Amino acid sequence: FAYGATGAGKTHTMLGTNDAPGVMFLTMRELFARMDLIKEDKVFNIAFSYLE
């Protein structure tokens, strides 16, 4: 959740760029990396939603 004034950089913080990924990309990358470590023992069902 990001809150702030228009033009404050919320979208940039959440999405980032190709060279500097934002919070959403970094979080998903970490999540999938951790899932990969235990994929032999667990079953995953994941859904994502994004609203701006």
N, C-alpha and C. Protein backbone atom coordinates (compact mmCIF):
# COMPACT_ATOMS: atom_id res chain seq x y z
N PHE A 1 0.85 -1.17 0.00
CA PHE A 1 0.00 0.00 0.00
C PHE A 1 0.89 1.23 0.00
N ALA A 2 0.65 2.13 -0.93
CA ALA A 2 1.42 3.37 -1.00
C ALA A 2 0.46 4.55 -0.94
N TYR A 3 0.78 5.51 -0.11
CA TYR A 3 -0.09 6.67 0.07
C TYR A 3 0.76 7.93 0.03
N GLY A 4 0.27 8.96 -0.63
CA GLY A 4 0.99 10.22 -0.66
C GLY A 4 0.43 11.14 -1.72
N ALA A 5 1.01 12.31 -1.78
CA ALA A 5 0.56 13.34 -2.71
C ALA A 5 0.87 12.95 -4.16
N THR A 6 0.12 13.52 -5.08
CA THR A 6 0.37 13.32 -6.50
C THR A 6 1.79 13.76 -6.84
N GLY A 7 2.49 12.93 -7.59
CA GLY A 7 3.84 13.27 -8.01
C GLY A 7 4.92 12.99 -6.99
N ALA A 8 4.55 12.34 -5.89
CA ALA A 8 5.52 12.08 -4.82
C ALA A 8 6.42 10.88 -5.10
N GLY A 9 6.07 10.07 -6.10
CA GLY A 9 6.91 8.93 -6.45
C GLY A 9 6.39 7.58 -6.01
N LYS A 10 5.11 7.50 -5.68
CA LYS A 10 4.52 6.23 -5.22
C LYS A 10 4.63 5.15 -6.29
N THR A 11 4.24 5.47 -7.50
CA THR A 11 4.27 4.48 -8.58
C THR A 11 5.70 4.05 -8.86
N HIS A 12 6.62 4.99 -8.88
CA HIS A 12 8.03 4.65 -9.11
C HIS A 12 8.54 3.75 -8.00
N THR A 13 8.19 4.03 -6.76
CA THR A 13 8.62 3.21 -5.63
C THR A 13 8.08 1.80 -5.75
N MET A 14 6.82 1.67 -6.13
CA MET A 14 6.20 0.35 -6.22
C MET A 14 6.65 -0.43 -7.45
N LEU A 15 6.76 0.23 -8.60
CA LEU A 15 7.09 -0.46 -9.85
C LEU A 15 8.56 -0.39 -10.22
N GLY A 16 9.20 0.73 -9.96
CA GLY A 16 10.60 0.90 -10.30
C GLY A 16 10.82 0.99 -11.80
N THR A 17 12.04 0.66 -12.21
CA THR A 17 12.43 0.67 -13.62
C THR A 17 13.14 -0.65 -13.93
N ASN A 18 13.52 -0.84 -15.18
CA ASN A 18 14.28 -2.04 -15.54
C ASN A 18 15.61 -2.10 -14.80
N ASP A 19 16.23 -0.94 -14.60
CA ASP A 19 17.53 -0.88 -13.93
C ASP A 19 17.43 -0.88 -12.41
N ALA A 20 16.31 -0.39 -11.89
CA ALA A 20 16.11 -0.30 -10.44
C ALA A 20 14.70 -0.78 -10.10
N PRO A 21 14.52 -2.08 -9.95
CA PRO A 21 13.19 -2.64 -9.70
C PRO A 21 12.56 -2.06 -8.43
N GLY A 22 11.23 -1.95 -8.47
CA GLY A 22 10.50 -1.42 -7.33
C GLY A 22 10.11 -2.49 -6.32
N VAL A 23 9.40 -2.06 -5.31
CA VAL A 23 9.00 -2.92 -4.20
C VAL A 23 8.21 -4.14 -4.68
N MET A 24 7.29 -3.94 -5.60
CA MET A 24 6.47 -5.07 -6.07
C MET A 24 7.32 -6.14 -6.74
N PHE A 25 8.19 -5.75 -7.64
CA PHE A 25 9.04 -6.72 -8.33
C PHE A 25 9.97 -7.42 -7.36
N LEU A 26 10.60 -6.67 -6.47
CA LEU A 26 11.54 -7.26 -5.52
C LEU A 26 10.83 -8.24 -4.59
N THR A 27 9.62 -7.89 -4.17
CA THR A 27 8.85 -8.78 -3.30
C THR A 27 8.49 -10.07 -4.02
N MET A 28 8.01 -9.96 -5.26
CA MET A 28 7.65 -11.16 -6.01
C MET A 28 8.88 -12.02 -6.31
N ARG A 29 9.99 -11.38 -6.61
CA ARG A 29 11.21 -12.15 -6.87
C ARG A 29 11.62 -12.95 -5.64
N GLU A 30 11.56 -12.32 -4.48
CA GLU A 30 11.89 -13.01 -3.23
C GLU A 30 10.89 -14.12 -2.93
N LEU A 31 9.60 -13.84 -3.11
CA LEU A 31 8.56 -14.84 -2.87
C LEU A 31 8.78 -16.08 -3.72
N PHE A 32 8.99 -15.89 -5.02
CA PHE A 32 9.17 -17.02 -5.91
C PHE A 32 10.49 -17.75 -5.65
N ALA A 33 11.51 -17.04 -5.22
CA ALA A 33 12.77 -17.69 -4.86
C ALA A 33 12.57 -18.60 -3.65
N ARG A 34 11.82 -18.12 -2.67
CA ARG A 34 11.56 -18.94 -1.48
C ARG A 34 10.66 -20.12 -1.81
N MET A 35 9.68 -19.90 -2.67
CA MET A 35 8.81 -21.00 -3.08
C MET A 35 9.62 -22.07 -3.81
N ASP A 36 10.57 -21.64 -4.60
CA ASP A 36 11.40 -22.58 -5.35
C ASP A 36 12.19 -23.50 -4.42
N LEU A 37 12.56 -22.98 -3.25
CA LEU A 37 13.33 -23.77 -2.29
C LEU A 37 12.52 -24.92 -1.69
N ILE A 38 11.20 -24.76 -1.60
CA ILE A 38 10.37 -25.78 -0.95
C ILE A 38 9.33 -26.38 -1.88
N LYS A 39 9.49 -26.21 -3.17
CA LYS A 39 8.47 -26.64 -4.13
C LYS A 39 8.26 -28.15 -4.15
N GLU A 40 9.23 -28.92 -3.69
CA GLU A 40 9.07 -30.37 -3.66
C GLU A 40 8.13 -30.81 -2.55
N ASP A 41 7.97 -29.97 -1.51
CA ASP A 41 7.17 -30.33 -0.33
C ASP A 41 5.81 -29.64 -0.28
N LYS A 42 5.61 -28.62 -1.07
CA LYS A 42 4.40 -27.80 -0.96
C LYS A 42 3.74 -27.62 -2.32
N VAL A 43 2.45 -27.27 -2.27
CA VAL A 43 1.70 -26.89 -3.46
C VAL A 43 1.29 -25.43 -3.27
N PHE A 44 1.48 -24.62 -4.29
CA PHE A 44 1.19 -23.19 -4.18
C PHE A 44 0.06 -22.79 -5.12
N ASN A 45 -0.78 -21.90 -4.65
CA ASN A 45 -1.82 -21.28 -5.46
C ASN A 45 -1.72 -19.79 -5.18
N ILE A 46 -1.26 -19.03 -6.17
CA ILE A 46 -0.97 -17.62 -5.96
C ILE A 46 -1.78 -16.76 -6.91
N ALA A 47 -2.29 -15.66 -6.39
CA ALA A 47 -3.00 -14.67 -7.21
C ALA A 47 -2.48 -13.29 -6.82
N PHE A 48 -2.33 -12.45 -7.82
CA PHE A 48 -1.88 -11.08 -7.58
C PHE A 48 -2.90 -10.11 -8.15
N SER A 49 -3.01 -8.97 -7.52
CA SER A 49 -3.90 -7.92 -8.00
C SER A 49 -3.18 -6.59 -7.86
N TYR A 50 -3.38 -5.71 -8.82
CA TYR A 50 -2.75 -4.39 -8.79
C TYR A 50 -3.78 -3.36 -9.21
N LEU A 51 -3.95 -2.34 -8.41
CA LEU A 51 -4.90 -1.27 -8.70
C LEU A 51 -4.22 0.05 -8.43
N GLU A 52 -4.28 0.95 -9.40
CA GLU A 52 -3.68 2.26 -9.20
C GLU A 52 -4.74 3.32 -9.31
